[in-house]
N, C-alpha and C. Protein backbone atom coordinates (compact mmCIF):
# COMPACT_ATOMS: atom_id res chain seq x y z
N MET A 1 174.05 132.77 231.75
CA MET A 1 174.50 133.43 230.58
C MET A 1 176.37 133.44 230.18
N SER A 2 176.40 132.89 229.53
CA SER A 2 178.15 133.30 229.21
C SER A 2 178.18 134.08 228.40
N GLU A 3 179.72 135.11 228.70
CA GLU A 3 179.91 136.12 228.06
C GLU A 3 180.11 135.93 226.76
N SER A 4 179.82 134.62 225.65
CA SER A 4 179.73 135.15 224.32
C SER A 4 178.93 134.86 223.92
N ASN A 5 177.59 135.00 224.81
CA ASN A 5 176.40 134.67 224.27
C ASN A 5 175.14 136.25 224.84
N HIS A 6 176.33 136.80 225.23
CA HIS A 6 175.67 138.59 226.36
C HIS A 6 174.90 138.89 225.31
N PRO A 7 173.80 139.60 225.80
CA PRO A 7 173.36 140.66 224.30
C PRO A 7 174.27 141.71 224.17
N ILE A 8 175.52 142.37 225.41
CA ILE A 8 176.39 143.27 225.22
C ILE A 8 177.42 142.93 223.86
N ASN A 9 177.24 142.00 223.44
CA ASN A 9 178.13 141.17 222.12
C ASN A 9 177.81 142.04 221.09
N GLU A 10 176.42 141.65 220.37
CA GLU A 10 175.81 142.24 219.80
C GLU A 10 175.94 143.18 219.62
N VAL A 11 175.56 143.95 220.51
CA VAL A 11 176.06 146.08 220.43
C VAL A 11 176.97 146.37 220.22
N LEU A 12 177.95 145.58 221.11
CA LEU A 12 179.48 145.84 220.44
C LEU A 12 179.58 145.56 218.97
N GLU A 13 179.22 144.61 217.97
CA GLU A 13 179.18 143.69 216.67
C GLU A 13 178.61 144.81 216.10
N THR A 14 177.35 144.92 215.96
CA THR A 14 176.70 146.44 215.79
C THR A 14 177.29 147.27 215.51
N THR A 15 177.70 148.15 216.55
CA THR A 15 178.77 149.31 216.51
C THR A 15 179.66 149.24 215.51
N MET A 16 180.60 148.05 215.86
CA MET A 16 181.96 148.09 214.93
C MET A 16 182.08 148.45 213.51
N HIS A 17 180.45 147.17 212.72
CA HIS A 17 180.43 147.41 211.43
C HIS A 17 180.10 148.26 211.23
N LYS A 18 178.74 149.32 211.97
CA LYS A 18 178.53 150.83 211.51
C LYS A 18 179.69 151.63 211.18
N ILE A 19 180.98 151.62 211.95
CA ILE A 19 182.12 152.35 211.51
C ILE A 19 182.89 151.75 210.63
N ARG A 20 183.08 150.41 210.39
CA ARG A 20 183.72 150.05 209.41
C ARG A 20 183.00 150.46 207.84
N GLU A 21 181.72 150.44 208.05
CA GLU A 21 181.37 151.18 206.89
C GLU A 21 181.38 152.44 206.90
N MET A 22 181.40 152.91 207.91
CA MET A 22 181.73 154.74 208.25
C MET A 22 183.68 155.25 207.61
N VAL A 23 184.64 154.17 207.69
CA VAL A 23 185.90 154.56 207.76
C VAL A 23 186.57 153.43 206.78
N ASP A 24 187.19 154.08 205.74
CA ASP A 24 187.88 153.11 205.27
C ASP A 24 189.63 153.44 205.03
N ALA A 25 189.92 152.40 203.46
CA ALA A 25 191.12 153.66 203.80
C ALA A 25 191.39 154.81 202.75
N ASN A 26 189.88 155.07 201.84
CA ASN A 26 189.96 155.48 200.87
C ASN A 26 189.56 157.35 201.53
N THR A 27 188.72 157.23 203.31
CA THR A 27 188.89 158.17 203.56
C THR A 27 190.01 158.34 204.24
N VAL A 28 191.27 157.71 204.71
CA VAL A 28 192.47 158.69 205.04
C VAL A 28 193.54 159.53 203.63
N VAL A 29 193.73 158.34 202.84
CA VAL A 29 194.20 158.87 201.13
C VAL A 29 192.80 158.54 200.48
N GLY A 30 192.18 159.45 200.05
CA GLY A 30 191.45 159.29 198.80
C GLY A 30 191.61 158.90 197.34
N GLN A 31 190.52 159.29 196.66
CA GLN A 31 190.90 158.62 195.02
C GLN A 31 191.64 159.54 194.59
N PRO A 32 192.32 159.30 193.53
CA PRO A 32 192.98 160.07 192.52
C PRO A 32 191.67 160.62 192.02
N ILE A 33 192.40 162.58 191.84
CA ILE A 33 191.80 163.07 190.85
C ILE A 33 192.69 163.99 189.62
N HIS A 34 192.21 163.62 188.44
CA HIS A 34 193.12 163.20 187.21
C HIS A 34 192.45 164.98 186.58
N THR A 35 193.35 165.75 186.64
CA THR A 35 192.91 167.07 185.23
C THR A 35 193.61 166.85 184.15
N PRO A 36 192.86 167.92 183.43
CA PRO A 36 193.16 167.38 182.29
C PRO A 36 194.03 168.25 181.63
N ASP A 37 195.02 169.03 182.44
CA ASP A 37 196.73 169.14 182.20
C ASP A 37 197.38 168.64 182.72
N GLY A 38 196.94 167.57 183.17
CA GLY A 38 197.75 166.29 183.53
C GLY A 38 198.08 165.91 184.61
N VAL A 39 197.78 167.07 185.35
CA VAL A 39 197.85 166.93 187.19
C VAL A 39 197.54 165.87 187.71
N THR A 40 197.66 165.29 188.69
CA THR A 40 197.31 164.03 189.48
C THR A 40 197.32 164.50 190.83
N LEU A 41 195.80 164.72 191.36
CA LEU A 41 195.64 165.49 192.78
C LEU A 41 194.89 164.23 193.06
N ILE A 42 195.83 164.10 195.29
CA ILE A 42 195.21 163.00 196.06
C ILE A 42 195.16 163.48 197.20
N PRO A 43 193.70 163.69 197.39
CA PRO A 43 193.81 163.95 198.75
C PRO A 43 194.11 163.38 199.83
N VAL A 44 194.63 164.00 200.86
CA VAL A 44 194.75 163.12 202.34
C VAL A 44 194.20 163.60 203.53
N SER A 45 193.75 162.64 204.32
CA SER A 45 192.70 163.53 205.77
C SER A 45 193.56 162.48 206.51
N LYS A 46 193.51 163.66 208.03
CA LYS A 46 193.51 163.30 209.64
C LYS A 46 191.88 162.44 209.86
N LEU A 47 191.86 161.12 210.45
CA LEU A 47 190.62 160.63 210.56
C LEU A 47 190.99 160.28 212.22
N SER A 48 190.02 160.58 213.24
CA SER A 48 190.10 159.96 214.40
C SER A 48 188.78 159.48 214.60
N PHE A 49 188.09 158.47 215.38
CA PHE A 49 187.33 158.16 215.73
C PHE A 49 186.83 157.10 217.17
N GLY A 50 186.06 157.28 217.80
CA GLY A 50 185.62 156.30 219.09
C GLY A 50 184.22 155.95 219.05
N PHE A 51 184.38 154.75 220.09
CA PHE A 51 183.28 154.85 220.21
C PHE A 51 182.78 154.35 221.57
N ALA A 52 181.59 154.50 221.54
CA ALA A 52 181.66 153.91 223.42
C ALA A 52 180.49 153.04 223.84
N THR A 53 180.12 152.04 224.54
CA THR A 53 179.14 151.10 224.39
C THR A 53 178.87 150.91 225.99
N GLY A 54 177.59 150.48 226.48
CA GLY A 54 177.60 150.15 227.91
C GLY A 54 176.39 149.30 228.22
N GLY A 55 175.86 148.69 229.22
CA GLY A 55 174.77 148.01 229.12
C GLY A 55 174.97 147.25 230.69
N SER A 56 173.19 146.64 230.99
CA SER A 56 172.88 146.30 232.32
C SER A 56 172.24 144.94 232.28
N ASP A 57 172.34 144.27 233.04
CA ASP A 57 171.75 143.40 233.73
C ASP A 57 170.44 143.71 234.23
N PHE A 58 169.24 143.08 234.43
CA PHE A 58 168.48 143.92 235.39
C PHE A 58 167.40 142.62 235.75
N GLY A 59 167.20 141.86 236.87
CA GLY A 59 166.55 140.76 237.41
C GLY A 59 167.47 140.49 239.08
N LYS A 60 166.52 139.81 239.64
CA LYS A 60 167.24 139.40 240.48
C LYS A 60 168.01 137.81 241.17
N ALA A 61 166.70 137.21 239.73
CA ALA A 61 167.27 135.45 239.78
C ALA A 61 168.72 135.01 239.09
N GLN A 62 169.35 134.31 239.80
CA GLN A 62 171.23 134.23 239.71
C GLN A 62 171.06 133.76 238.03
N ASN A 63 170.19 132.42 238.19
CA ASN A 63 170.68 131.43 236.95
C ASN A 63 169.26 131.87 235.61
N GLY A 64 168.16 132.83 236.42
CA GLY A 64 166.81 133.08 235.19
C GLY A 64 167.07 133.80 234.79
N PRO A 65 166.10 133.90 233.87
CA PRO A 65 166.35 135.17 232.91
C PRO A 65 166.25 136.46 233.48
N LYS A 66 167.04 137.06 232.65
CA LYS A 66 167.44 138.52 232.86
C LYS A 66 166.79 139.47 232.22
N ASN A 67 166.67 140.99 232.32
CA ASN A 67 166.71 142.11 231.20
C ASN A 67 167.87 142.42 230.93
N PHE A 68 167.70 143.20 229.90
CA PHE A 68 168.89 143.74 229.18
C PHE A 68 168.63 145.35 228.89
N GLY A 69 169.07 145.91 229.15
CA GLY A 69 169.05 147.27 228.46
C GLY A 69 170.75 147.83 228.34
N GLY A 70 171.25 148.54 226.90
CA GLY A 70 172.50 148.79 226.68
C GLY A 70 172.29 149.51 225.46
N GLY A 71 173.31 150.28 225.37
CA GLY A 71 173.60 151.09 224.51
C GLY A 71 174.80 151.24 223.46
N ALA A 72 175.07 152.17 222.71
CA ALA A 72 175.98 152.59 222.18
C ALA A 72 176.24 153.77 221.19
N GLY A 73 177.21 153.97 221.04
CA GLY A 73 177.23 155.63 220.59
C GLY A 73 178.94 156.06 219.74
N ALA A 74 179.11 156.40 218.73
CA ALA A 74 179.90 156.30 218.01
C ALA A 74 180.44 157.63 217.09
N GLY A 75 181.41 158.17 217.05
CA GLY A 75 181.36 159.79 216.22
C GLY A 75 182.75 159.12 215.60
N CYS A 76 183.03 160.35 214.49
CA CYS A 76 183.77 160.45 213.34
C CYS A 76 184.18 161.64 213.03
N ASN A 77 185.71 161.99 212.55
CA ASN A 77 186.32 162.83 212.49
C ASN A 77 187.30 163.08 211.58
N VAL A 78 187.05 163.77 210.26
CA VAL A 78 187.78 163.83 209.37
C VAL A 78 188.15 165.17 209.10
N VAL A 79 189.47 165.42 208.99
CA VAL A 79 190.02 166.48 208.43
C VAL A 79 190.80 166.70 207.31
N PRO A 80 190.55 167.20 206.53
CA PRO A 80 191.69 167.66 205.37
C PRO A 80 193.21 168.22 205.44
N VAL A 81 193.87 167.49 205.40
CA VAL A 81 195.40 167.29 205.62
C VAL A 81 196.25 168.07 204.84
N ALA A 82 196.37 167.31 203.95
CA ALA A 82 196.95 167.92 202.60
C ALA A 82 196.62 167.06 200.78
N PHE A 83 197.26 167.51 200.08
CA PHE A 83 196.86 167.26 198.71
C PHE A 83 198.47 166.38 197.83
N LEU A 84 198.38 165.67 197.40
CA LEU A 84 199.60 165.29 197.15
C LEU A 84 199.40 165.65 195.64
N ILE A 85 200.38 166.36 195.28
CA ILE A 85 200.77 166.81 193.32
C ILE A 85 201.31 165.70 192.75
N VAL A 86 200.94 165.20 192.09
CA VAL A 86 201.39 164.59 190.93
C VAL A 86 201.75 165.32 189.79
N LYS A 87 203.22 165.88 189.07
CA LYS A 87 202.85 166.20 188.04
C LYS A 87 204.49 165.96 186.98
N ASP A 88 204.37 165.99 185.58
CA ASP A 88 205.59 165.23 185.11
C ASP A 88 206.67 164.41 185.84
N GLY A 89 206.00 163.39 186.52
CA GLY A 89 207.01 162.68 187.52
C GLY A 89 207.51 163.21 188.79
N SER A 90 206.94 164.55 188.94
CA SER A 90 207.76 164.72 190.61
C SER A 90 206.34 164.67 191.03
N VAL A 91 206.32 164.44 192.37
CA VAL A 91 205.51 164.50 193.40
C VAL A 91 205.51 165.79 194.50
N ARG A 92 204.70 166.91 194.90
CA ARG A 92 204.72 167.70 195.81
C ARG A 92 203.28 167.58 197.00
N LEU A 93 204.25 168.00 198.62
CA LEU A 93 203.08 168.25 199.12
C LEU A 93 202.29 169.36 199.60
N LEU A 94 200.88 169.39 198.96
CA LEU A 94 200.43 170.68 199.26
C LEU A 94 199.25 170.53 200.84
N PRO A 95 199.73 171.35 202.11
CA PRO A 95 199.39 171.12 203.02
C PRO A 95 197.87 172.60 202.77
N VAL A 96 197.44 171.57 203.73
CA VAL A 96 196.15 172.24 203.36
C VAL A 96 195.58 173.28 204.74
N ALA A 97 196.10 172.76 205.86
CA ALA A 97 196.47 173.17 207.51
C ALA A 97 196.50 174.98 207.27
N GLU A 98 195.90 175.26 208.50
CA GLU A 98 196.35 176.64 208.82
C GLU A 98 197.75 176.86 208.97
N PRO A 99 198.17 178.24 208.06
CA PRO A 99 199.83 179.02 208.31
C PRO A 99 199.92 179.02 209.94
N ALA A 100 200.93 178.23 210.43
CA ALA A 100 201.24 178.25 211.35
C ALA A 100 201.11 179.84 211.78
N SER A 101 201.10 179.82 213.55
CA SER A 101 200.93 181.13 214.13
C SER A 101 202.42 181.67 214.72
N ASP A 102 203.50 180.63 214.62
CA ASP A 102 204.40 180.93 216.07
C ASP A 102 205.45 181.15 214.87
N THR A 103 206.80 181.27 215.05
CA THR A 103 208.02 181.91 214.23
C THR A 103 208.74 180.23 213.50
N VAL A 104 208.69 179.21 215.30
CA VAL A 104 209.20 178.11 214.91
C VAL A 104 208.53 177.10 213.36
N GLY A 105 207.21 177.54 213.62
CA GLY A 105 206.26 176.48 213.06
C GLY A 105 206.20 176.93 211.47
N ARG A 106 206.64 178.61 211.28
CA ARG A 106 207.36 179.29 209.67
C ARG A 106 208.04 178.68 209.10
N VAL A 107 209.28 178.74 210.20
CA VAL A 107 210.24 178.01 209.71
C VAL A 107 209.97 176.42 209.40
N VAL A 108 209.72 175.88 209.88
CA VAL A 108 209.49 174.36 209.46
C VAL A 108 208.86 174.31 208.39
N GLU A 109 207.84 175.18 207.87
CA GLU A 109 206.91 175.15 206.89
C GLU A 109 207.61 175.48 205.95
N LEU A 110 208.62 176.18 205.90
CA LEU A 110 209.18 177.04 204.55
C LEU A 110 210.86 175.93 204.70
N VAL A 111 210.86 175.17 205.28
CA VAL A 111 212.00 174.04 205.19
C VAL A 111 212.12 173.51 203.39
N PRO A 112 211.31 172.82 203.30
CA PRO A 112 210.88 172.09 201.84
C PRO A 112 210.93 172.77 200.82
N GLU A 113 210.52 174.08 201.25
CA GLU A 113 210.79 174.88 200.04
C GLU A 113 212.01 175.72 199.83
N MET A 114 213.00 176.27 200.80
CA MET A 114 213.78 176.38 200.87
C MET A 114 215.06 175.41 200.19
N PHE A 115 215.03 174.42 200.95
CA PHE A 115 215.41 172.97 200.10
C PHE A 115 215.51 173.01 199.07
N GLU A 116 214.23 172.94 197.94
CA GLU A 116 214.29 172.69 196.54
C GLU A 116 214.74 174.04 196.02
N LYS A 117 214.45 175.30 196.43
CA LYS A 117 215.54 176.30 196.23
C LYS A 117 216.75 176.21 196.04
N VAL A 118 217.64 175.54 197.39
CA VAL A 118 218.76 175.61 197.04
C VAL A 118 219.99 174.54 196.74
N THR A 119 218.84 173.54 196.40
CA THR A 119 219.27 172.79 195.66
C THR A 119 218.82 172.24 194.43
N GLY A 120 218.06 173.39 193.76
CA GLY A 120 218.14 173.99 192.33
C GLY A 120 219.47 174.92 192.19
N TYR A 121 219.44 175.79 192.80
CA TYR A 121 220.07 176.99 193.01
C TYR A 121 222.04 176.00 192.86
N ILE A 122 222.23 174.87 193.57
CA ILE A 122 223.50 174.12 193.52
C ILE A 122 223.66 173.39 192.17
N ASP A 123 222.11 172.67 192.21
CA ASP A 123 222.46 172.35 190.56
C ASP A 123 222.61 172.98 189.36
N LYS A 124 221.72 174.56 189.26
CA LYS A 124 222.42 175.03 188.33
C LYS A 124 223.63 175.50 188.61
N LYS A 125 223.73 175.88 189.71
CA LYS A 125 226.09 176.18 189.55
C LYS A 125 226.39 174.88 188.67
N THR A 126 225.99 174.38 189.54
CA THR A 126 227.39 172.54 189.16
C THR A 126 227.24 172.49 187.15
N GLY A 127 225.95 172.58 187.17
CA GLY A 127 225.50 172.69 185.31
C GLY A 127 226.17 173.57 184.68
N ALA A 128 226.07 174.67 185.39
CA ALA A 128 227.20 175.25 184.30
C ALA A 128 229.04 175.72 185.14
N LYS A 129 229.15 174.76 185.55
CA LYS A 129 230.32 174.69 186.15
C LYS A 129 230.83 174.01 184.78
N ASN A 130 230.25 172.68 184.93
CA ASN A 130 230.58 171.67 184.23
C ASN A 130 230.86 172.22 182.48
N ALA A 131 229.88 173.31 182.36
CA ALA A 131 229.48 173.37 180.42
C ALA A 131 230.90 174.32 180.56
N ASP A 132 231.28 174.96 181.37
CA ASP A 132 232.63 175.53 181.18
C ASP A 132 234.09 174.61 181.08
N GLU A 133 234.13 173.64 181.73
CA GLU A 133 234.99 172.71 182.16
C GLU A 133 235.13 172.20 180.57
N ASP A 134 234.10 172.22 180.05
CA ASP A 134 233.81 171.24 178.96
C ASP A 134 234.26 172.18 177.69
N ILE A 135 234.56 173.44 177.69
CA ILE A 135 234.66 174.15 176.67
C ILE A 135 236.50 174.33 176.78
């Protein structure tokens, strides 16, 4: 029996077909959710999956008919990670993960928010300075 028509190939193909049914691009980046006030939420998830397939031929004859026994298993894990929030032309990322448990993690989480506040402050000061120069 050649490798191309071995029964394990059918088991592998069936397993991969079922995994493709479970997992697609919409599992990772979900369908947009539109709210009445003009906000669009796009869910983002982390996806991990795995599968295993195995089998064995039973029989003593080299070229004669053999019995085959095989099996397959698959698992999939989908974890929500964040939401992309689109409002008035700006996009923000809202993490869904648990809060950081250590100081370094908290600092890393605060960097984007602090960056926005600092750039907003600088823009405000620059705008006020330019307004004073126009007078």
